[in-house]
Amino acid sequence: LAGTTASSPPEPAAVEPPPIDFDRLREITDHDPALLKEVIELYLAQADETIPALAAAVQSGAGPAVVELAHRLGGASSTCGMTAIVAPLRELEQMGAEGRLAEARVALEQARRAQARIRESLQTLPSR
């Protein structure tokens, strides 16, 4: 047919990696279901407290507080295998250290979305 062009197939949707390294999470809890539950509860409580505090620190331009909060939650996240949130927290930590908080809203929103994915993923964990 005249005037037709071959269309290329649609690009496959980008697949996000799992938000949690469950092998790491089980490893740090020695595969103990009770300890796993306790670590998850402690992690979620810390994240639920830290994310709003981070938002307030970003809003007020408190660079040192952003550094401390992002570092603390980033370390706990990395240790527990909560991989999705580590990169945006490291970015926030660096922005706080460099005084670039005007740019921090995107990283903060990425951290919020990652935390929501982590929470959703944890709710599907059978041993909880």
C-alpha atoms as a PDB file:
ATOM      1  CA  LEU A   1       0.000   0.000   0.000  1.00  0.00           C
ATOM      2  CA  ALA A   2       1.252   3.411  -0.908  1.00  0.00           C
ATOM      3  CA  GLY A   3       1.942   5.833   1.897  1.00  0.00           C
ATOM      4  CA  THR A   4       2.076   3.257   4.701  1.00  0.00           C
ATOM      5  CA  THR A   5       5.087   2.864   6.878  1.00  0.00           C
ATOM      6  CA  ALA A   6       6.071  -0.033   8.979  1.00  0.00           C
ATOM      7  CA  SER A   7       5.467   0.782  12.581  1.00  0.00           C
ATOM      8  CA  SER A   8       7.863  -0.478  15.137  1.00  0.00           C
ATOM      9  CA  PRO A   9       6.509  -2.524  18.015  1.00  0.00           C
ATOM     10  CA  PRO A  10       5.806  -0.571  21.173  1.00  0.00           C
ATOM     11  CA  GLU A  11       8.641  -0.253  23.630  1.00  0.00           C
ATOM     12  CA  PRO A  12       8.288  -2.667  26.535  1.00  0.00           C
ATOM     13  CA  ALA A  13       7.366  -0.957  29.770  1.00  0.00           C
ATOM     14  CA  ALA A  14      10.293  -0.410  32.072  1.00  0.00           C
ATOM     15  CA  VAL A  15      10.213  -2.979  34.824  1.00  0.00           C
ATOM     16  CA  GLU A  16      11.076  -1.613  38.237  1.00  0.00           C
ATOM     17  CA  PRO A  17      13.277  -3.808  40.355  1.00  0.00           C
ATOM     18  CA  PRO A  18      11.673  -5.182  43.494  1.00  0.00           C
ATOM     19  CA  PRO A  19      11.619  -2.556  46.255  1.00  0.00           C
ATOM     20  CA  ILE A  20      13.002  -5.014  48.799  1.00  0.00           C
ATOM     21  CA  ASP A  21      15.845  -7.507  48.784  1.00  0.00           C
ATOM     22  CA  PHE A  22      13.953 -10.202  50.677  1.00  0.00           C
ATOM     23  CA  ASP A  23      17.020 -12.443  50.810  1.00  0.00           C
ATOM     24  CA  ARG A  24      18.873  -9.694  52.694  1.00  0.00           C
ATOM     25  CA  LEU A  25      15.909  -9.084  54.988  1.00  0.00           C
ATOM     26  CA  ARG A  26      15.650 -12.776  55.860  1.00  0.00           C
ATOM     27  CA  GLU A  27      19.438 -13.010  56.270  1.00  0.00           C
ATOM     28  CA  ILE A  28      19.622 -10.214  58.853  1.00  0.00           C
ATOM     29  CA  THR A  29      16.779 -11.839  60.804  1.00  0.00           C
ATOM     30  CA  ASP A  30      18.326 -15.323  60.693  1.00  0.00           C
ATOM     31  CA  HIS A  31      15.185 -16.551  58.904  1.00  0.00           C
ATOM     32  CA  ASP A  32      13.337 -16.180  62.216  1.00  0.00           C
ATOM     33  CA  PRO A  33       9.684 -15.189  61.537  1.00  0.00           C
ATOM     34  CA  ALA A  34       9.280 -13.434  64.907  1.00  0.00           C
ATOM     35  CA  LEU A  35      12.465 -11.414  64.439  1.00  0.00           C
ATOM     36  CA  LEU A  36      11.484 -10.664  60.836  1.00  0.00           C
ATOM     37  CA  LYS A  37       8.166  -9.260  62.024  1.00  0.00           C
ATOM     38  CA  GLU A  38       9.892  -7.174  64.691  1.00  0.00           C
ATOM     39  CA  VAL A  39      12.476  -5.755  62.260  1.00  0.00           C
ATOM     40  CA  ILE A  40       9.751  -4.871  59.742  1.00  0.00           C
ATOM     41  CA  GLU A  41       7.670  -3.115  62.402  1.00  0.00           C
ATOM     42  CA  LEU A  42      10.685  -1.174  63.685  1.00  0.00           C
ATOM     43  CA  TYR A  43      11.746  -0.209  60.159  1.00  0.00           C
ATOM     44  CA  LEU A  44       8.267   0.978  59.177  1.00  0.00           C
ATOM     45  CA  ALA A  45       7.924   2.981  62.399  1.00  0.00           C
ATOM     46  CA  GLN A  46      11.289   4.661  61.760  1.00  0.00           C
ATOM     47  CA  ALA A  47      10.412   5.399  58.126  1.00  0.00           C
ATOM     48  CA  ASP A  48       6.962   6.719  59.055  1.00  0.00           C
ATOM     49  CA  GLU A  49       8.611   9.117  61.488  1.00  0.00           C
ATOM     50  CA  THR A  50      11.574  10.078  59.308  1.00  0.00           C
ATOM     51  CA  ILE A  51       9.908  10.812  55.942  1.00  0.00           C
ATOM     52  CA  PRO A  52       7.683  13.620  57.341  1.00  0.00           C
ATOM     53  CA  ALA A  53      10.626  14.982  59.339  1.00  0.00           C
ATOM     54  CA  LEU A  54      12.703  14.993  56.155  1.00  0.00           C
ATOM     55  CA  ALA A  55       9.945  16.855  54.330  1.00  0.00           C
ATOM     56  CA  ALA A  56       9.833  19.467  57.094  1.00  0.00           C
ATOM     57  CA  ALA A  57      13.628  19.834  57.048  1.00  0.00           C
ATOM     58  CA  VAL A  58      13.639  20.270  53.268  1.00  0.00           C
ATOM     59  CA  GLN A  59      10.801  22.807  53.501  1.00  0.00           C
ATOM     60  CA  SER A  60      12.592  24.835  56.170  1.00  0.00           C
ATOM     61  CA  GLY A  61      15.978  24.650  54.446  1.00  0.00           C
ATOM     62  CA  ALA A  62      17.618  22.801  57.346  1.00  0.00           C
ATOM     63  CA  GLY A  63      20.503  21.154  55.489  1.00  0.00           C
ATOM     64  CA  PRO A  64      22.155  19.498  58.519  1.00  0.00           C
ATOM     65  CA  ALA A  65      18.835  17.938  59.571  1.00  0.00           C
ATOM     66  CA  VAL A  66      18.273  16.641  56.027  1.00  0.00           C
ATOM     67  CA  VAL A  67      21.751  15.097  56.059  1.00  0.00           C
ATOM     68  CA  GLU A  68      21.201  13.417  59.446  1.00  0.00           C
ATOM     69  CA  LEU A  69      17.695  12.120  58.713  1.00  0.00           C
ATOM     70  CA  ALA A  70      18.474  10.888  55.202  1.00  0.00           C
ATOM     71  CA  HIS A  71      21.672   9.223  56.407  1.00  0.00           C
ATOM     72  CA  ARG A  72      19.960   7.461  59.303  1.00  0.00           C
ATOM     73  CA  LEU A  73      17.037   6.118  57.254  1.00  0.00           C
ATOM     74  CA  GLY A  74      19.303   5.336  54.297  1.00  0.00           C
ATOM     75  CA  GLY A  75      21.559   3.226  56.502  1.00  0.00           C
ATOM     76  CA  ALA A  76      18.658   1.364  58.076  1.00  0.00           C
ATOM     77  CA  SER A  77      17.104   0.829  54.653  1.00  0.00           C
ATOM     78  CA  SER A  78      20.321  -0.521  53.195  1.00  0.00           C
ATOM     79  CA  THR A  79      20.907  -2.822  56.166  1.00  0.00           C
ATOM     80  CA  CYS A  80      17.363  -4.200  55.991  1.00  0.00           C
ATOM     81  CA  GLY A  81      17.313  -4.650  52.221  1.00  0.00           C
ATOM     82  CA  MET A  82      14.811  -1.860  51.528  1.00  0.00           C
ATOM     83  CA  THR A  83      16.629  -1.086  48.302  1.00  0.00           C
ATOM     84  CA  ALA A  84      14.099   1.144  46.514  1.00  0.00           C
ATOM     85  CA  ILE A  85      14.505   4.035  48.928  1.00  0.00           C
ATOM     86  CA  VAL A  86      18.288   4.052  49.311  1.00  0.00           C
ATOM     87  CA  ALA A  87      19.174   6.068  46.176  1.00  0.00           C
ATOM     88  CA  PRO A  88      16.740   8.943  46.791  1.00  0.00           C
ATOM     89  CA  LEU A  89      17.833   9.124  50.430  1.00  0.00           C
ATOM     90  CA  ARG A  90      21.513   9.259  49.438  1.00  0.00           C
ATOM     91  CA  GLU A  91      20.622  12.029  46.977  1.00  0.00           C
ATOM     92  CA  LEU A  92      18.808  13.954  49.716  1.00  0.00           C
ATOM     93  CA  GLU A  93      21.779  13.498  52.024  1.00  0.00           C
ATOM     94  CA  GLN A  94      24.118  14.926  49.396  1.00  0.00           C
ATOM     95  CA  MET A  95      21.762  17.812  48.594  1.00  0.00           C
ATOM     96  CA  GLY A  96      21.524  18.671  52.279  1.00  0.00           C
ATOM     97  CA  ALA A  97      25.308  18.626  52.629  1.00  0.00           C
ATOM     98  CA  GLU A  98      25.729  20.857  49.578  1.00  0.00           C
ATOM     99  CA  GLY A  99      22.915  23.240  50.495  1.00  0.00           C
ATOM    100  CA  ARG A 100      20.913  22.370  47.378  1.00  0.00           C
ATOM    101  CA  LEU A 101      17.563  21.925  49.108  1.00  0.00           C
ATOM    102  CA  ALA A 102      15.680  23.930  46.476  1.00  0.00           C
ATOM    103  CA  GLU A 103      16.253  20.896  44.223  1.00  0.00           C
ATOM    104  CA  ALA A 104      15.324  18.312  46.869  1.00  0.00           C
ATOM    105  CA  ARG A 105      11.577  18.043  46.237  1.00  0.00           C
ATOM    106  CA  VAL A 106      12.000  15.492  43.437  1.00  0.00           C
ATOM    107  CA  ALA A 107      14.226  13.221  45.529  1.00  0.00           C
ATOM    108  CA  LEU A 108      11.856  13.592  48.466  1.00  0.00           C
ATOM    109  CA  GLU A 109       8.906  12.529  46.305  1.00  0.00           C
ATOM    110  CA  GLN A 110      10.939   9.577  45.004  1.00  0.00           C
ATOM    111  CA  ALA A 111      11.627   8.556  48.609  1.00  0.00           C
ATOM    112  CA  ARG A 112       7.922   8.810  49.446  1.00  0.00           C
ATOM    113  CA  ARG A 113       6.959   6.658  46.449  1.00  0.00           C
ATOM    114  CA  ALA A 114       9.665   4.135  47.265  1.00  0.00           C
ATOM    115  CA  GLN A 115       8.439   3.906  50.853  1.00  0.00           C
ATOM    116  CA  ALA A 116       4.892   3.267  49.616  1.00  0.00           C
ATOM    117  CA  ARG A 117       6.193   0.480  47.366  1.00  0.00           C
ATOM    118  CA  ILE A 118       8.149  -1.006  50.261  1.00  0.00           C
ATOM    119  CA  ARG A 119       5.113  -0.934  52.549  1.00  0.00           C
ATOM    120  CA  GLU A 120       2.930  -2.538  49.877  1.00  0.00           C
ATOM    121  CA  SER A 121       5.524  -5.219  49.213  1.00  0.00           C
ATOM    122  CA  LEU A 122       5.912  -5.985  52.925  1.00  0.00           C
ATOM    123  CA  GLN A 123       2.163  -6.506  53.257  1.00  0.00           C
ATOM    124  CA  THR A 124       2.412  -9.407  50.813  1.00  0.00           C
ATOM    125  CA  LEU A 125       5.155 -11.126  52.810  1.00  0.00           C
ATOM    126  CA  PRO A 126       3.703 -14.462  53.963  1.00  0.00           C
ATOM    127  CA  SER A 127       5.678 -14.719  57.196  1.00  0.00           C
ATOM    128  CA  ARG A 128       4.356 -11.459  58.621  1.00  0.00           C
END
